[in-house]
Each structure stands twice: as structure tokens, then as C-alpha cells.
């Protein structure tokens, strides 16, 4: 009886500690997959043909950082600026190299992972403390990223680090607005920016010749 009590006691302690230290994700897996899908369906048709057999792989990659062993320890560091910028550079570079070498499955996987880090960088919860993060996440999970006006046109891109700094500042502003209003539009804006930034970054890696690097990135964020 005493042994059973000890087992129950230690299990309760373990479960409590697990819940305390486990990261709460800004977007859940389904939302990250929606962003990855939107990226794919807005890429040029020739790129879609290369990645089509591996769309599910890209979706799986978009959820992987939340279960990646190394990220369980460094989740708060890797999913906000500057950590998210460092991780994104790593996975974008791997994705570009794989794509250029015709390894489209690996490219899809890497681009999916990169989209996760980019997306989280634009989310209020990863940029600042918010009061009702559970509600924020629930609202986000019910929404779909909206297509931005620039899609289908010549895309303008600026330095990746500038993109992350910009997103981090907008995320902090969103946190303030959310705490004041809990308006779903705040969440929708974060989601749209997550998709937009991810799309631009991945598009630039695949087809840099179609992107004007000297133009201002923020003009494309539709704010």
C-alpha cells in the first residue's frame, strides 16, 4: 500500500513539473500546417511541381520544432528573436542547398521547419508576456492565414534579420493590443504576418532572381 502511494505521489510530482516546464505553443500543429500549405499553394507552379510529392513532409517539418528534443530546453530562446533568426537561417540554408541539388523531399522538410521559426517570431506570445495566452492560441487555431495583396506580383525582400527585428517589435505591440482588447483581429494579423514573412523568406531562397532585395520589406506586410 505504501509503495503504491509513493508511486502515485512521485508520478503526480513528475506530471506537475512536466506541465510547468513544457512550452505552450503560440500556434498549434494544425495552424503551422495551414501556414505551410498556404506557402506551397502560392509558390510558382514549377516550384509546386517539385514539392508536390512532399507537401505532407513540409507540413510535418512545420510542426517539428515544437517536439524537437533540443528545443524542449531552448524553446523560449529559439522561438523568439534573436534565437528564431539564427534557427531560421540554418534551416533556410539547408533547404536552399537541398532544393538546388534536386533533393526536394529534404528541401520541403527544411522549409517547413524554417516556416515554424518565422511564424513564431510574429506571434504576440513569443514576443512578450500576455495575460490570456490560452485564449489567444484557441482563437489562432480557428483562423486561416489570409492571402496578402503582394502574392502573384514581384516580391520585395530585405535582409532577413531586418524582417525578424520588425516582426519582433510588431509582436510586442500585438501583445499590448491583445491585453487591452482580446480582439480576434490581433490574432488574425499575427497569423497573416506569419504567413507573409514565411512565404517571402522561402520564396527568396528558391527563386532569388525574382526578388528585389533593395526594397523595403515592411511595405509588403500590408499593415
C-alpha atoms as a PDB file:
ATOM      1  CA  UNK A   1       0.000   0.000   0.000  1.00  0.00           C
ATOM      2  CA  UNK A   2       2.823   2.348   0.963  1.00  0.00           C
ATOM      3  CA  UNK A   3       4.682   1.507  -2.268  1.00  0.00           C
ATOM      4  CA  UNK A   4       1.582   2.280  -4.323  1.00  0.00           C
ATOM      5  CA  UNK A   5       1.208   5.590  -2.502  1.00  0.00           C
ATOM      6  CA  UNK A   6       4.835   6.501  -3.239  1.00  0.00           C
ATOM      7  CA  UNK A   7       4.418   5.691  -6.920  1.00  0.00           C
ATOM      8  CA  UNK A   8       1.281   7.822  -7.125  1.00  0.00           C
ATOM      9  CA  UNK A   9       2.966  10.654  -5.231  1.00  0.00           C
ATOM     10  CA  UNK A  10       6.075  10.730  -7.410  1.00  0.00           C
ATOM     11  CA  UNK A  11       4.020  10.441 -10.582  1.00  0.00           C
ATOM     12  CA  UNK A  12       1.949  13.447  -9.502  1.00  0.00           C
ATOM     13  CA  UNK A  13       5.111  15.450  -8.812  1.00  0.00           C
ATOM     14  CA  UNK A  14       6.585  14.451 -12.186  1.00  0.00           C
ATOM     15  CA  UNK A  15       3.402  15.367 -14.038  1.00  0.00           C
ATOM     16  CA  UNK A  16       3.214  18.739 -12.303  1.00  0.00           C
ATOM     17  CA  UNK A  17       6.816  19.549 -13.159  1.00  0.00           C
ATOM     18  CA  UNK A  18       6.274  18.438 -16.752  1.00  0.00           C
ATOM     19  CA  UNK A  19       3.296  20.744 -17.139  1.00  0.00           C
ATOM     20  CA  UNK A  20       5.228  23.628 -15.633  1.00  0.00           C
ATOM     21  CA  UNK A  21       8.311  23.332 -17.820  1.00  0.00           C
ATOM     22  CA  UNK A  22       6.583  22.246 -21.035  1.00  0.00           C
ATOM     23  CA  UNK A  23       6.359  25.145 -23.500  1.00  0.00           C
ATOM     24  CA  UNK A  24       2.963  26.483 -24.513  1.00  0.00           C
ATOM     25  CA  UNK A  25       2.994  26.846 -28.257  1.00  0.00           C
ATOM     26  CA  UNK A  26       1.740  30.019 -29.904  1.00  0.00           C
ATOM     27  CA  UNK A  27       0.300  28.174 -32.880  1.00  0.00           C
ATOM     28  CA  UNK A  28      -0.528  24.512 -32.563  1.00  0.00           C
ATOM     29  CA  UNK A  29       0.474  21.926 -35.155  1.00  0.00           C
ATOM     30  CA  UNK A  30      -2.658  22.379 -37.250  1.00  0.00           C
ATOM     31  CA  UNK A  31      -2.054  26.126 -37.564  1.00  0.00           C
ATOM     32  CA  UNK A  32       1.583  25.672 -38.552  1.00  0.00           C
ATOM     33  CA  UNK A  33       0.454  23.177 -41.191  1.00  0.00           C
ATOM     34  CA  UNK A  34      -2.068  25.690 -42.540  1.00  0.00           C
ATOM     35  CA  UNK A  35       0.713  28.237 -42.917  1.00  0.00           C
ATOM     36  CA  UNK A  36       2.910  25.673 -44.687  1.00  0.00           C
ATOM     37  CA  UNK A  37       0.035  24.775 -47.031  1.00  0.00           C
ATOM     38  CA  UNK A  38      -0.582  28.435 -47.876  1.00  0.00           C
ATOM     39  CA  UNK A  39       3.103  28.888 -48.659  1.00  0.00           C
ATOM     40  CA  UNK A  40       3.078  25.901 -51.006  1.00  0.00           C
ATOM     41  CA  UNK A  41      -0.116  26.845 -52.861  1.00  0.00           C
ATOM     42  CA  UNK A  42       1.163  30.369 -53.525  1.00  0.00           C
ATOM     43  CA  UNK A  43       4.552  29.330 -54.903  1.00  0.00           C
ATOM     44  CA  UNK A  44       5.098  29.382 -58.692  1.00  0.00           C
ATOM     45  CA  UNK A  45       3.702  26.341 -60.497  1.00  0.00           C
ATOM     46  CA  UNK A  46       7.136  24.948 -61.392  1.00  0.00           C
ATOM     47  CA  UNK A  47       8.190  25.015 -57.739  1.00  0.00           C
ATOM     48  CA  UNK A  48       4.907  23.394 -56.724  1.00  0.00           C
ATOM     49  CA  UNK A  49       5.587  20.536 -59.128  1.00  0.00           C
ATOM     50  CA  UNK A  50       8.915  19.846 -57.440  1.00  0.00           C
ATOM     51  CA  UNK A  51       7.498  19.972 -53.925  1.00  0.00           C
ATOM     52  CA  UNK A  52       4.068  18.431 -54.578  1.00  0.00           C
ATOM     53  CA  UNK A  53       5.043  14.838 -53.649  1.00  0.00           C
ATOM     54  CA  UNK A  54       6.403  16.166 -50.364  1.00  0.00           C
ATOM     55  CA  UNK A  55       3.684  18.574 -49.240  1.00  0.00           C
ATOM     56  CA  UNK A  56       2.955  16.372 -46.225  1.00  0.00           C
ATOM     57  CA  UNK A  57       6.682  16.372 -45.408  1.00  0.00           C
ATOM     58  CA  UNK A  58       6.663  20.168 -45.438  1.00  0.00           C
ATOM     59  CA  UNK A  59       3.673  20.094 -43.095  1.00  0.00           C
ATOM     60  CA  UNK A  60       5.449  17.695 -40.754  1.00  0.00           C
ATOM     61  CA  UNK A  61       8.519  19.911 -40.788  1.00  0.00           C
ATOM     62  CA  UNK A  62       6.391  22.909 -39.827  1.00  0.00           C
ATOM     63  CA  UNK A  63       5.407  21.178 -36.572  1.00  0.00           C
ATOM     64  CA  UNK A  64       8.745  19.568 -35.741  1.00  0.00           C
ATOM     65  CA  UNK A  65      10.379  22.399 -33.728  1.00  0.00           C
ATOM     66  CA  UNK A  66       7.751  22.007 -31.001  1.00  0.00           C
ATOM     67  CA  UNK A  67       8.800  18.382 -30.431  1.00  0.00           C
ATOM     68  CA  UNK A  68      12.476  18.692 -31.374  1.00  0.00           C
ATOM     69  CA  UNK A  69      14.471  17.406 -28.365  1.00  0.00           C
ATOM     70  CA  UNK A  70      16.916  20.325 -28.335  1.00  0.00           C
ATOM     71  CA  UNK A  71      14.054  22.827 -28.446  1.00  0.00           C
ATOM     72  CA  UNK A  72      12.410  21.409 -25.336  1.00  0.00           C
ATOM     73  CA  UNK A  73      15.242  23.012 -23.373  1.00  0.00           C
ATOM     74  CA  UNK A  74      15.756  26.118 -25.507  1.00  0.00           C
ATOM     75  CA  UNK A  75      12.162  26.706 -26.617  1.00  0.00           C
ATOM     76  CA  UNK A  76      11.879  30.288 -25.359  1.00  0.00           C
ATOM     77  CA  UNK A  77      15.276  31.143 -26.825  1.00  0.00           C
ATOM     78  CA  UNK A  78      14.818  29.551 -30.250  1.00  0.00           C
ATOM     79  CA  UNK A  79      11.254  30.706 -30.890  1.00  0.00           C
ATOM     80  CA  UNK A  80      11.758  34.439 -30.463  1.00  0.00           C
ATOM     81  CA  UNK A  81      14.268  36.952 -31.797  1.00  0.00           C
ATOM     82  CA  UNK A  82      17.251  36.641 -31.974  1.00  0.00           C
ATOM     83  CA  UNK A  83      17.170  32.863 -31.487  1.00  0.00           C
ATOM     84  CA  UNK A  84      14.439  32.387 -34.086  1.00  0.00           C
ATOM     85  CA  UNK A  85      16.526  34.311 -36.614  1.00  0.00           C
ATOM     86  CA  UNK A  86      19.520  32.028 -36.051  1.00  0.00           C
ATOM     87  CA  UNK A  87      17.429  28.867 -36.380  1.00  0.00           C
ATOM     88  CA  UNK A  88      15.685  30.168 -39.495  1.00  0.00           C
ATOM     89  CA  UNK A  89      18.989  30.934 -41.218  1.00  0.00           C
ATOM     90  CA  UNK A  90      20.186  27.395 -40.536  1.00  0.00           C
ATOM     91  CA  UNK A  91      17.090  25.732 -41.976  1.00  0.00           C
ATOM     92  CA  UNK A  92      16.648  28.111 -44.906  1.00  0.00           C
ATOM     93  CA  UNK A  93      20.249  27.493 -45.957  1.00  0.00           C
ATOM     94  CA  UNK A  94      19.761  23.741 -45.713  1.00  0.00           C
ATOM     95  CA  UNK A  95      16.536  23.995 -47.671  1.00  0.00           C
ATOM     96  CA  UNK A  96      18.100  26.084 -50.422  1.00  0.00           C
ATOM     97  CA  UNK A  97      21.046  23.721 -50.761  1.00  0.00           C
ATOM     98  CA  UNK A  98      18.742  20.690 -50.934  1.00  0.00           C
ATOM     99  CA  UNK A  99      16.478  22.365 -53.497  1.00  0.00           C
ATOM    100  CA  UNK A 100      19.401  23.371 -55.717  1.00  0.00           C
ATOM    101  CA  UNK A 101      20.677  19.781 -55.612  1.00  0.00           C
ATOM    102  CA  UNK A 102      17.297  18.354 -56.567  1.00  0.00           C
ATOM    103  CA  UNK A 103      16.638  16.829 -53.145  1.00  0.00           C
ATOM    104  CA  UNK A 104      13.101  18.192 -52.964  1.00  0.00           C
ATOM    105  CA  UNK A 105      11.998  16.000 -50.065  1.00  0.00           C
ATOM    106  CA  UNK A 106      14.758  17.372 -47.851  1.00  0.00           C
ATOM    107  CA  UNK A 107      14.023  20.896 -49.112  1.00  0.00           C
ATOM    108  CA  UNK A 108      10.349  20.547 -48.182  1.00  0.00           C
ATOM    109  CA  UNK A 109      11.298  19.340 -44.706  1.00  0.00           C
ATOM    110  CA  UNK A 110      13.768  22.179 -44.119  1.00  0.00           C
ATOM    111  CA  UNK A 111      11.444  24.881 -45.445  1.00  0.00           C
ATOM    112  CA  UNK A 112       8.670  23.546 -43.224  1.00  0.00           C
ATOM    113  CA  UNK A 113      10.895  23.852 -40.157  1.00  0.00           C
ATOM    114  CA  UNK A 114      12.007  27.344 -41.188  1.00  0.00           C
ATOM    115  CA  UNK A 115       8.373  28.436 -41.559  1.00  0.00           C
ATOM    116  CA  UNK A 116       7.763  27.419 -37.939  1.00  0.00           C
ATOM    117  CA  UNK A 117      10.515  29.639 -36.545  1.00  0.00           C
ATOM    118  CA  UNK A 118       9.498  32.552 -38.766  1.00  0.00           C
ATOM    119  CA  UNK A 119       5.835  32.191 -37.831  1.00  0.00           C
ATOM    120  CA  UNK A 120       6.504  32.122 -34.098  1.00  0.00           C
ATOM    121  CA  UNK A 121       8.584  35.287 -34.362  1.00  0.00           C
ATOM    122  CA  UNK A 122       5.475  37.256 -35.373  1.00  0.00           C
ATOM    123  CA  UNK A 123       3.250  35.936 -32.571  1.00  0.00           C
ATOM    124  CA  UNK A 124       2.477  38.139 -29.565  1.00  0.00           C
ATOM    125  CA  UNK A 125       3.002  35.317 -27.088  1.00  0.00           C
ATOM    126  CA  UNK A 126       6.573  34.690 -28.221  1.00  0.00           C
ATOM    127  CA  UNK A 127       7.455  38.389 -28.244  1.00  0.00           C
ATOM    128  CA  UNK A 128       6.062  39.413 -24.855  1.00  0.00           C
ATOM    129  CA  UNK A 129       4.044  38.183 -21.906  1.00  0.00           C
ATOM    130  CA  UNK A 130       0.273  38.220 -22.445  1.00  0.00           C
ATOM    131  CA  UNK A 131      -2.457  37.666 -19.887  1.00  0.00           C
ATOM    132  CA  UNK A 132      -4.697  35.106 -21.593  1.00  0.00           C
ATOM    133  CA  UNK A 133      -2.356  33.162 -23.855  1.00  0.00           C
ATOM    134  CA  UNK A 134      -4.637  30.114 -23.866  1.00  0.00           C
ATOM    135  CA  UNK A 135      -7.460  32.150 -25.404  1.00  0.00           C
ATOM    136  CA  UNK A 136      -5.031  33.713 -27.874  1.00  0.00           C
ATOM    137  CA  UNK A 137      -3.943  30.252 -29.002  1.00  0.00           C
ATOM    138  CA  UNK A 138      -7.518  28.978 -29.228  1.00  0.00           C
ATOM    139  CA  UNK A 139      -8.526  31.910 -31.433  1.00  0.00           C
ATOM    140  CA  UNK A 140      -5.482  31.392 -33.640  1.00  0.00           C
ATOM    141  CA  UNK A 141      -6.266  27.731 -34.122  1.00  0.00           C
ATOM    142  CA  UNK A 142      -9.685  28.633 -35.537  1.00  0.00           C
ATOM    143  CA  UNK A 143      -8.349  31.113 -38.087  1.00  0.00           C
ATOM    144  CA  UNK A 144      -6.793  30.719 -41.519  1.00  0.00           C
ATOM    145  CA  UNK A 145      -3.949  32.888 -42.864  1.00  0.00           C
ATOM    146  CA  UNK A 146      -5.261  35.362 -45.409  1.00  0.00           C
ATOM    147  CA  UNK A 147      -3.580  35.820 -48.753  1.00  0.00           C
ATOM    148  CA  UNK A 148      -1.656  39.059 -48.941  1.00  0.00           C
ATOM    149  CA  UNK A 149      -2.011  41.571 -51.749  1.00  0.00           C
ATOM    150  CA  UNK A 150       1.571  41.143 -52.937  1.00  0.00           C
ATOM    151  CA  UNK A 151       1.158  37.471 -53.832  1.00  0.00           C
ATOM    152  CA  UNK A 152       1.374  36.878 -57.564  1.00  0.00           C
ATOM    153  CA  UNK A 153       3.383  40.062 -58.077  1.00  0.00           C
ATOM    154  CA  UNK A 154       7.098  40.746 -57.981  1.00  0.00           C
ATOM    155  CA  UNK A 155       8.017  40.339 -54.325  1.00  0.00           C
ATOM    156  CA  UNK A 156      10.267  42.751 -52.481  1.00  0.00           C
ATOM    157  CA  UNK A 157      12.631  41.430 -49.859  1.00  0.00           C
ATOM    158  CA  UNK A 158      15.062  42.957 -47.435  1.00  0.00           C
ATOM    159  CA  UNK A 159      17.672  41.498 -45.090  1.00  0.00           C
ATOM    160  CA  UNK A 160      16.318  38.539 -43.126  1.00  0.00           C
ATOM    161  CA  UNK A 161      17.468  39.967 -39.823  1.00  0.00           C
ATOM    162  CA  UNK A 162      15.544  43.167 -40.512  1.00  0.00           C
ATOM    163  CA  UNK A 163      12.470  41.021 -41.080  1.00  0.00           C
ATOM    164  CA  UNK A 164      12.890  39.376 -37.691  1.00  0.00           C
ATOM    165  CA  UNK A 165      13.539  42.609 -35.827  1.00  0.00           C
ATOM    166  CA  UNK A 166      10.463  44.103 -37.446  1.00  0.00           C
ATOM    167  CA  UNK A 167       8.324  41.077 -36.601  1.00  0.00           C
ATOM    168  CA  UNK A 168       9.516  41.015 -33.001  1.00  0.00           C
ATOM    169  CA  UNK A 169       8.585  44.678 -32.494  1.00  0.00           C
ATOM    170  CA  UNK A 170       5.179  44.163 -34.109  1.00  0.00           C
ATOM    171  CA  UNK A 171       4.669  41.122 -31.908  1.00  0.00           C
ATOM    172  CA  UNK A 172       5.273  43.174 -28.764  1.00  0.00           C
ATOM    173  CA  UNK A 173       2.750  45.746 -29.971  1.00  0.00           C
ATOM    174  CA  UNK A 174       0.267  42.950 -30.610  1.00  0.00           C
ATOM    175  CA  UNK A 175       0.728  41.714 -27.044  1.00  0.00           C
ATOM    176  CA  UNK A 176      -0.261  45.136 -25.699  1.00  0.00           C
ATOM    177  CA  UNK A 177      -3.281  45.336 -28.014  1.00  0.00           C
ATOM    178  CA  UNK A 178      -4.395  41.820 -27.111  1.00  0.00           C
ATOM    179  CA  UNK A 179      -4.248  42.502 -23.373  1.00  0.00           C
ATOM    180  CA  UNK A 180      -6.321  45.648 -23.869  1.00  0.00           C
ATOM    181  CA  UNK A 181      -8.980  44.272 -26.208  1.00  0.00           C
ATOM    182  CA  UNK A 182      -8.673  40.483 -26.735  1.00  0.00           C
ATOM    183  CA  UNK A 183      -9.794  41.313 -30.263  1.00  0.00           C
ATOM    184  CA  UNK A 184      -9.510  38.328 -32.653  1.00  0.00           C
ATOM    185  CA  UNK A 185      -8.263  40.772 -35.299  1.00  0.00           C
ATOM    186  CA  UNK A 186      -4.995  40.993 -33.361  1.00  0.00           C
ATOM    187  CA  UNK A 187      -4.548  37.241 -33.707  1.00  0.00           C
ATOM    188  CA  UNK A 188      -5.546  37.317 -37.367  1.00  0.00           C
ATOM    189  CA  UNK A 189      -2.958  39.996 -38.063  1.00  0.00           C
ATOM    190  CA  UNK A 190      -0.266  37.906 -36.365  1.00  0.00           C
ATOM    191  CA  UNK A 191      -1.300  34.904 -38.429  1.00  0.00           C
ATOM    192  CA  UNK A 192      -1.282  36.862 -41.686  1.00  0.00           C
ATOM    193  CA  UNK A 193       2.139  38.306 -40.908  1.00  0.00           C
ATOM    194  CA  UNK A 194       3.452  34.849 -40.009  1.00  0.00           C
ATOM    195  CA  UNK A 195       2.366  33.524 -43.379  1.00  0.00           C
ATOM    196  CA  UNK A 196       3.579  36.567 -45.299  1.00  0.00           C
ATOM    197  CA  UNK A 197       7.039  36.581 -43.747  1.00  0.00           C
ATOM    198  CA  UNK A 198       7.447  32.812 -44.156  1.00  0.00           C
ATOM    199  CA  UNK A 199       6.379  32.961 -47.784  1.00  0.00           C
ATOM    200  CA  UNK A 200       8.748  35.800 -48.654  1.00  0.00           C
ATOM    201  CA  UNK A 201      11.727  34.161 -46.950  1.00  0.00           C
ATOM    202  CA  UNK A 202      11.189  30.760 -48.572  1.00  0.00           C
ATOM    203  CA  UNK A 203      10.396  32.250 -51.992  1.00  0.00           C
ATOM    204  CA  UNK A 204      13.640  34.205 -51.812  1.00  0.00           C
ATOM    205  CA  UNK A 205      15.621  31.056 -51.081  1.00  0.00           C
ATOM    206  CA  UNK A 206      14.143  29.189 -54.041  1.00  0.00           C
ATOM    207  CA  UNK A 207      13.996  31.956 -56.643  1.00  0.00           C
ATOM    208  CA  UNK A 208      16.246  34.859 -55.574  1.00  0.00           C
ATOM    209  CA  UNK A 209      16.365  36.269 -59.111  1.00  0.00           C
ATOM    210  CA  UNK A 210      12.651  37.170 -58.886  1.00  0.00           C
ATOM    211  CA  UNK A 211      13.080  39.198 -55.717  1.00  0.00           C
ATOM    212  CA  UNK A 212      14.220  42.803 -55.382  1.00  0.00           C
ATOM    213  CA  UNK A 213      16.492  42.804 -52.331  1.00  0.00           C
ATOM    214  CA  UNK A 214      16.905  46.561 -52.118  1.00  0.00           C
ATOM    215  CA  UNK A 215      13.286  47.411 -51.388  1.00  0.00           C
ATOM    216  CA  UNK A 216      11.704  47.879 -48.010  1.00  0.00           C
ATOM    217  CA  UNK A 217      10.234  44.697 -46.560  1.00  0.00           C
ATOM    218  CA  UNK A 218       7.649  46.407 -44.375  1.00  0.00           C
ATOM    219  CA  UNK A 219       5.808  47.742 -47.418  1.00  0.00           C
ATOM    220  CA  UNK A 220       4.842  44.155 -48.181  1.00  0.00           C
ATOM    221  CA  UNK A 221       3.386  43.412 -44.752  1.00  0.00           C
ATOM    222  CA  UNK A 222       0.079  45.101 -45.593  1.00  0.00           C
ATOM    223  CA  UNK A 223      -0.124  46.904 -42.244  1.00  0.00           C
END
